[in-house]
Amino acid sequence: MVQPPHNKLKREDSLLVIVDIQEKLAPAVSERQKVLLNVVRLVKFAKLIGLPILVSEQQKLGPTVEEIKSELPLYDPVSKLAFDCFAVPEFREKLETLGRRSLIVTGLETHICVSQTAISGLSQYNVHGVSDAMSSRSAHNWEVGIERMRQHGVVITSTEMVIYELLEKAGTDEFKAALPLIK
């Protein structure tokens, strides 16, 4: 197992992964609005600081929800049948092409596709699961998914933690531009 040299996010080595936040699934999940708001915040922030964004879509669940899709600089999702994104060659190839070693993982559902993807990623990547930017149909399954990821070594974080960690300091023009996303 290749371990990255640190667990702290660095912008030059990070990318945002959005797992299966799709039209047919999103209405059924717990705290839908909060999750969508936080994912949109992360997408806007990724664009602000130049982080690549990789999106997956489970087949037959429709496209990524419009709130997120409309914010994406490039909408080119990886289509999949497997729950684990790493079981899809196109996903692995896109990750390798981007050359980043830290994954900031968001999506649906926490206890299925998100946790399987995050846990699989640990063999080659530093994985941060954004707890308030993922959900499941039940709060219990969200909790179990978060705990399982934590047990395997995924760093559990939040939207604000990711933003401040990647900003690194206050007082810059970039910090000022990011403030509306946090407030």
C-alpha atoms as a PDB file:
ATOM      1  CA  MET A   1       0.000   0.000   0.000  1.00  0.00           C
ATOM      2  CA  VAL A   2       1.417   3.376  -1.074  1.00  0.00           C
ATOM      3  CA  GLN A   3       0.827   6.001   1.595  1.00  0.00           C
ATOM      4  CA  PRO A   4       0.907   9.695   0.732  1.00  0.00           C
ATOM      5  CA  PRO A   5       3.407  11.687   2.820  1.00  0.00           C
ATOM      6  CA  HIS A   6       0.682  13.567   4.730  1.00  0.00           C
ATOM      7  CA  ASN A   7      -3.032  13.666   5.448  1.00  0.00           C
ATOM      8  CA  LYS A   8      -3.350  17.430   5.192  1.00  0.00           C
ATOM      9  CA  LEU A   9      -4.846  18.626   1.932  1.00  0.00           C
ATOM     10  CA  LYS A  10      -2.633  20.586  -0.446  1.00  0.00           C
ATOM     11  CA  ARG A  11      -4.254  22.278  -3.434  1.00  0.00           C
ATOM     12  CA  GLU A  12      -1.581  21.202  -5.920  1.00  0.00           C
ATOM     13  CA  ASP A  13      -2.221  17.562  -5.020  1.00  0.00           C
ATOM     14  CA  SER A  14      -6.020  17.484  -4.466  1.00  0.00           C
ATOM     15  CA  LEU A  15      -9.147  16.966  -6.536  1.00  0.00           C
ATOM     16  CA  LEU A  16     -12.869  16.958  -5.818  1.00  0.00           C
ATOM     17  CA  VAL A  17     -14.800  13.724  -6.436  1.00  0.00           C
ATOM     18  CA  ILE A  18     -18.605  13.920  -6.712  1.00  0.00           C
ATOM     19  CA  VAL A  19     -20.168  10.450  -6.501  1.00  0.00           C
ATOM     20  CA  ASP A  20     -23.652   9.870  -7.947  1.00  0.00           C
ATOM     21  CA  ILE A  21     -25.567  12.997  -6.913  1.00  0.00           C
ATOM     22  CA  GLN A  22     -28.286  12.287  -9.450  1.00  0.00           C
ATOM     23  CA  GLU A  23     -31.857  13.316 -10.209  1.00  0.00           C
ATOM     24  CA  LYS A  24     -33.543  10.026  -9.299  1.00  0.00           C
ATOM     25  CA  LEU A  25     -31.618   9.493  -6.051  1.00  0.00           C
ATOM     26  CA  ALA A  26     -31.109  12.966  -4.569  1.00  0.00           C
ATOM     27  CA  PRO A  27     -34.778  13.576  -3.616  1.00  0.00           C
ATOM     28  CA  ALA A  28     -34.765  10.464  -1.407  1.00  0.00           C
ATOM     29  CA  VAL A  29     -31.753  11.256   0.790  1.00  0.00           C
ATOM     30  CA  SER A  30     -31.614  12.702   4.261  1.00  0.00           C
ATOM     31  CA  GLU A  31     -30.750  16.428   4.509  1.00  0.00           C
ATOM     32  CA  ARG A  32     -30.818  16.813   0.736  1.00  0.00           C
ATOM     33  CA  GLN A  33     -30.699  20.631   0.689  1.00  0.00           C
ATOM     34  CA  LYS A  34     -27.746  20.869   3.085  1.00  0.00           C
ATOM     35  CA  VAL A  35     -25.771  18.307   1.102  1.00  0.00           C
ATOM     36  CA  LEU A  36     -26.476  19.973  -2.252  1.00  0.00           C
ATOM     37  CA  LEU A  37     -25.581  23.401  -0.856  1.00  0.00           C
ATOM     38  CA  ASN A  38     -22.269  22.077   0.481  1.00  0.00           C
ATOM     39  CA  VAL A  39     -21.370  20.271  -2.737  1.00  0.00           C
ATOM     40  CA  VAL A  40     -22.140  23.425  -4.727  1.00  0.00           C
ATOM     41  CA  ARG A  41     -19.923  25.376  -2.301  1.00  0.00           C
ATOM     42  CA  LEU A  42     -17.120  22.898  -2.871  1.00  0.00           C
ATOM     43  CA  VAL A  43     -17.533  23.060  -6.656  1.00  0.00           C
ATOM     44  CA  LYS A  44     -17.426  26.875  -6.602  1.00  0.00           C
ATOM     45  CA  PHE A  45     -14.384  26.774  -4.345  1.00  0.00           C
ATOM     46  CA  ALA A  46     -12.663  24.184  -6.565  1.00  0.00           C
ATOM     47  CA  LYS A  47     -13.177  26.492  -9.538  1.00  0.00           C
ATOM     48  CA  LEU A  48     -11.831  29.444  -7.537  1.00  0.00           C
ATOM     49  CA  ILE A  49      -8.551  27.707  -6.645  1.00  0.00           C
ATOM     50  CA  GLY A  50      -8.199  25.531  -9.745  1.00  0.00           C
ATOM     51  CA  LEU A  51      -8.949  22.071  -8.330  1.00  0.00           C
ATOM     52  CA  PRO A  52      -9.965  19.428 -10.865  1.00  0.00           C
ATOM     53  CA  ILE A  53     -13.437  17.907 -10.410  1.00  0.00           C
ATOM     54  CA  LEU A  54     -14.343  14.312 -11.247  1.00  0.00           C
ATOM     55  CA  VAL A  55     -18.016  13.252 -11.357  1.00  0.00           C
ATOM     56  CA  SER A  56     -19.517   9.765 -11.444  1.00  0.00           C
ATOM     57  CA  GLU A  57     -23.063   8.743 -12.316  1.00  0.00           C
ATOM     58  CA  GLN A  58     -24.712   5.418 -11.563  1.00  0.00           C
ATOM     59  CA  GLN A  59     -26.500   4.212 -14.677  1.00  0.00           C
ATOM     60  CA  LYS A  60     -30.313   4.562 -14.730  1.00  0.00           C
ATOM     61  CA  LEU A  61     -30.415   7.239 -11.992  1.00  0.00           C
ATOM     62  CA  GLY A  62     -30.457  10.179 -14.389  1.00  0.00           C
ATOM     63  CA  PRO A  63     -27.943  12.982 -14.762  1.00  0.00           C
ATOM     64  CA  THR A  64     -26.240  14.851 -11.951  1.00  0.00           C
ATOM     65  CA  VAL A  65     -28.709  17.249 -10.314  1.00  0.00           C
ATOM     66  CA  GLU A  66     -28.963  20.620 -12.032  1.00  0.00           C
ATOM     67  CA  GLU A  67     -27.808  22.606  -8.966  1.00  0.00           C
ATOM     68  CA  ILE A  68     -24.413  20.942  -9.259  1.00  0.00           C
ATOM     69  CA  LYS A  69     -24.281  20.290 -12.996  1.00  0.00           C
ATOM     70  CA  SER A  70     -24.826  23.977 -13.802  1.00  0.00           C
ATOM     71  CA  GLU A  71     -21.764  24.901 -11.692  1.00  0.00           C
ATOM     72  CA  LEU A  72     -19.398  22.380 -13.254  1.00  0.00           C
ATOM     73  CA  PRO A  73     -16.822  23.902 -15.592  1.00  0.00           C
ATOM     74  CA  LEU A  74     -16.793  20.661 -17.582  1.00  0.00           C
ATOM     75  CA  TYR A  75     -19.637  18.155 -17.359  1.00  0.00           C
ATOM     76  CA  ASP A  76     -18.099  14.851 -18.371  1.00  0.00           C
ATOM     77  CA  PRO A  77     -19.278  12.238 -15.849  1.00  0.00           C
ATOM     78  CA  VAL A  78     -17.957   8.713 -15.589  1.00  0.00           C
ATOM     79  CA  SER A  79     -20.890   6.350 -16.151  1.00  0.00           C
ATOM     80  CA  LYS A  80     -20.894   3.225 -13.999  1.00  0.00           C
ATOM     81  CA  LEU A  81     -22.780   0.125 -12.930  1.00  0.00           C
ATOM     82  CA  ALA A  82     -20.357  -0.774 -10.134  1.00  0.00           C
ATOM     83  CA  PHE A  83     -20.947   0.843  -6.762  1.00  0.00           C
ATOM     84  CA  ASP A  84     -17.211   1.410  -6.225  1.00  0.00           C
ATOM     85  CA  CYS A  85     -15.855   4.016  -8.660  1.00  0.00           C
ATOM     86  CA  PHE A  86     -12.465   2.276  -8.568  1.00  0.00           C
ATOM     87  CA  ALA A  87     -14.055  -0.777 -10.207  1.00  0.00           C
ATOM     88  CA  VAL A  88     -14.542   1.381 -13.330  1.00  0.00           C
ATOM     89  CA  PRO A  89     -11.459   1.618 -15.585  1.00  0.00           C
ATOM     90  CA  GLU A  90     -12.476   5.048 -16.961  1.00  0.00           C
ATOM     91  CA  PHE A  91     -12.585   6.482 -13.424  1.00  0.00           C
ATOM     92  CA  ARG A  92      -9.122   5.121 -12.573  1.00  0.00           C
ATOM     93  CA  GLU A  93      -7.735   6.385 -15.894  1.00  0.00           C
ATOM     94  CA  LYS A  94      -9.102   9.900 -15.347  1.00  0.00           C
ATOM     95  CA  LEU A  95      -7.602   9.972 -11.853  1.00  0.00           C
ATOM     96  CA  GLU A  96      -4.217   8.883 -13.145  1.00  0.00           C
ATOM     97  CA  THR A  97      -4.318  11.487 -15.917  1.00  0.00           C
ATOM     98  CA  LEU A  98      -4.951  14.227 -13.352  1.00  0.00           C
ATOM     99  CA  GLY A  99      -1.919  13.138 -11.329  1.00  0.00           C
ATOM    100  CA  ARG A 100      -3.342  14.155  -7.953  1.00  0.00           C
ATOM    101  CA  ARG A 101      -2.871  12.036  -4.804  1.00  0.00           C
ATOM    102  CA  SER A 102      -5.542  13.488  -2.467  1.00  0.00           C
ATOM    103  CA  LEU A 103      -9.241  12.878  -3.071  1.00  0.00           C
ATOM    104  CA  ILE A 104     -11.933  15.079  -1.536  1.00  0.00           C
ATOM    105  CA  VAL A 105     -14.946  12.762  -1.717  1.00  0.00           C
ATOM    106  CA  THR A 106     -18.615  13.815  -1.657  1.00  0.00           C
ATOM    107  CA  GLY A 107     -21.802  12.162  -2.855  1.00  0.00           C
ATOM    108  CA  LEU A 108     -24.586   9.631  -2.522  1.00  0.00           C
ATOM    109  CA  GLU A 109     -25.065   7.267  -0.847  1.00  0.00           C
ATOM    110  CA  THR A 110     -22.594   7.451   2.023  1.00  0.00           C
ATOM    111  CA  HIS A 111     -22.923   3.800   3.037  1.00  0.00           C
ATOM    112  CA  ILE A 112     -22.751   2.384  -0.503  1.00  0.00           C
ATOM    113  CA  CYS A 113     -20.994   4.111  -3.422  1.00  0.00           C
ATOM    114  CA  VAL A 114     -19.228   6.802  -1.397  1.00  0.00           C
ATOM    115  CA  SER A 115     -17.788   4.488   1.266  1.00  0.00           C
ATOM    116  CA  GLN A 116     -16.785   1.785  -1.218  1.00  0.00           C
ATOM    117  CA  THR A 117     -15.038   4.359  -3.405  1.00  0.00           C
ATOM    118  CA  ALA A 118     -13.316   6.088  -0.483  1.00  0.00           C
ATOM    119  CA  ILE A 119     -12.096   2.835   1.080  1.00  0.00           C
ATOM    120  CA  SER A 120     -10.820   1.488  -2.247  1.00  0.00           C
ATOM    121  CA  GLY A 121      -9.004   4.750  -2.884  1.00  0.00           C
ATOM    122  CA  LEU A 122      -6.942   4.384   0.283  1.00  0.00           C
ATOM    123  CA  SER A 123      -4.547   1.940  -1.369  1.00  0.00           C
ATOM    124  CA  GLN A 124      -3.189   4.726  -3.594  1.00  0.00           C
ATOM    125  CA  TYR A 125      -4.635   8.024  -2.387  1.00  0.00           C
ATOM    126  CA  ASN A 126      -5.007  10.282   0.610  1.00  0.00           C
ATOM    127  CA  VAL A 127      -8.827  10.253   0.983  1.00  0.00           C
ATOM    128  CA  HIS A 128     -10.910  12.893   2.750  1.00  0.00           C
ATOM    129  CA  GLY A 129     -14.647  12.229   3.094  1.00  0.00           C
ATOM    130  CA  VAL A 130     -16.670  15.423   3.422  1.00  0.00           C
ATOM    131  CA  SER A 131     -19.308  14.396   5.971  1.00  0.00           C
ATOM    132  CA  ASP A 132     -21.702  17.294   5.361  1.00  0.00           C
ATOM    133  CA  ALA A 133     -21.467  16.898   1.566  1.00  0.00           C
ATOM    134  CA  MET A 134     -22.671  13.301   1.464  1.00  0.00           C
ATOM    135  CA  SER A 135     -25.855  11.541   2.511  1.00  0.00           C
ATOM    136  CA  SER A 136     -27.908   8.350   2.503  1.00  0.00           C
ATOM    137  CA  ARG A 137     -31.610   7.658   2.451  1.00  0.00           C
ATOM    138  CA  SER A 138     -31.503   7.209   6.225  1.00  0.00           C
ATOM    139  CA  ALA A 139     -29.462   9.014   8.865  1.00  0.00           C
ATOM    140  CA  HIS A 140     -28.504   5.632  10.343  1.00  0.00           C
ATOM    141  CA  ASN A 141     -26.915   4.467   7.085  1.00  0.00           C
ATOM    142  CA  TRP A 142     -25.071   7.796   6.773  1.00  0.00           C
ATOM    143  CA  GLU A 143     -23.653   7.268  10.290  1.00  0.00           C
ATOM    144  CA  VAL A 144     -22.625   3.673   9.548  1.00  0.00           C
ATOM    145  CA  GLY A 145     -20.987   4.762   6.285  1.00  0.00           C
ATOM    146  CA  ILE A 146     -19.038   7.538   8.020  1.00  0.00           C
ATOM    147  CA  GLU A 147     -17.890   5.186  10.780  1.00  0.00           C
ATOM    148  CA  ARG A 148     -16.831   2.468   8.343  1.00  0.00           C
ATOM    149  CA  MET A 149     -14.771   4.952   6.314  1.00  0.00           C
ATOM    150  CA  ARG A 150     -13.182   6.288   9.512  1.00  0.00           C
ATOM    151  CA  GLN A 151     -12.292   2.745  10.649  1.00  0.00           C
ATOM    152  CA  HIS A 152     -10.481   2.130   7.372  1.00  0.00           C
ATOM    153  CA  GLY A 153      -8.496   5.370   7.531  1.00  0.00           C
ATOM    154  CA  VAL A 154     -10.494   7.870   5.480  1.00  0.00           C
ATOM    155  CA  VAL A 155     -10.057  11.352   6.963  1.00  0.00           C
ATOM    156  CA  ILE A 156     -13.546  12.569   7.886  1.00  0.00           C
ATOM    157  CA  THR A 157     -13.876  16.307   7.373  1.00  0.00           C
ATOM    158  CA  SER A 158     -16.436  19.028   6.609  1.00  0.00           C
ATOM    159  CA  THR A 159     -16.991  21.558   3.849  1.00  0.00           C
ATOM    160  CA  GLU A 160     -15.574  24.440   5.893  1.00  0.00           C
ATOM    161  CA  MET A 161     -12.585  22.392   7.028  1.00  0.00           C
ATOM    162  CA  VAL A 162     -11.717  21.587   3.397  1.00  0.00           C
ATOM    163  CA  ILE A 163     -12.050  25.211   2.301  1.00  0.00           C
ATOM    164  CA  TYR A 164      -9.946  26.641   5.137  1.00  0.00           C
ATOM    165  CA  GLU A 165      -7.334  23.891   4.878  1.00  0.00           C
ATOM    166  CA  LEU A 166      -6.836  24.555   1.166  1.00  0.00           C
ATOM    167  CA  LEU A 167      -6.855  28.346   1.614  1.00  0.00           C
ATOM    168  CA  GLU A 168      -4.118  28.066   4.272  1.00  0.00           C
ATOM    169  CA  LYS A 169      -4.320  31.729   5.348  1.00  0.00           C
ATOM    170  CA  ALA A 170      -6.597  34.738   5.697  1.00  0.00           C
ATOM    171  CA  GLY A 171      -6.153  38.196   4.245  1.00  0.00           C
ATOM    172  CA  THR A 172      -5.527  37.207   0.628  1.00  0.00           C
ATOM    173  CA  ASP A 173      -7.684  38.098  -2.375  1.00  0.00           C
ATOM    174  CA  GLU A 174      -8.487  34.395  -2.713  1.00  0.00           C
ATOM    175  CA  PHE A 175      -9.631  34.262   0.924  1.00  0.00           C
ATOM    176  CA  LYS A 176     -11.871  37.289   0.348  1.00  0.00           C
ATOM    177  CA  ALA A 177     -13.327  35.672  -2.776  1.00  0.00           C
ATOM    178  CA  ALA A 178     -14.034  32.456  -0.831  1.00  0.00           C
ATOM    179  CA  LEU A 179     -15.739  34.160   2.149  1.00  0.00           C
ATOM    180  CA  PRO A 180     -19.214  34.307   0.534  1.00  0.00           C
ATOM    181  CA  LEU A 181     -19.086  30.511   0.172  1.00  0.00           C
ATOM    182  CA  ILE A 182     -18.553  30.110   3.913  1.00  0.00           C
ATOM    183  CA  LYS A 183     -20.938  32.721   5.301  1.00  0.00           C
END
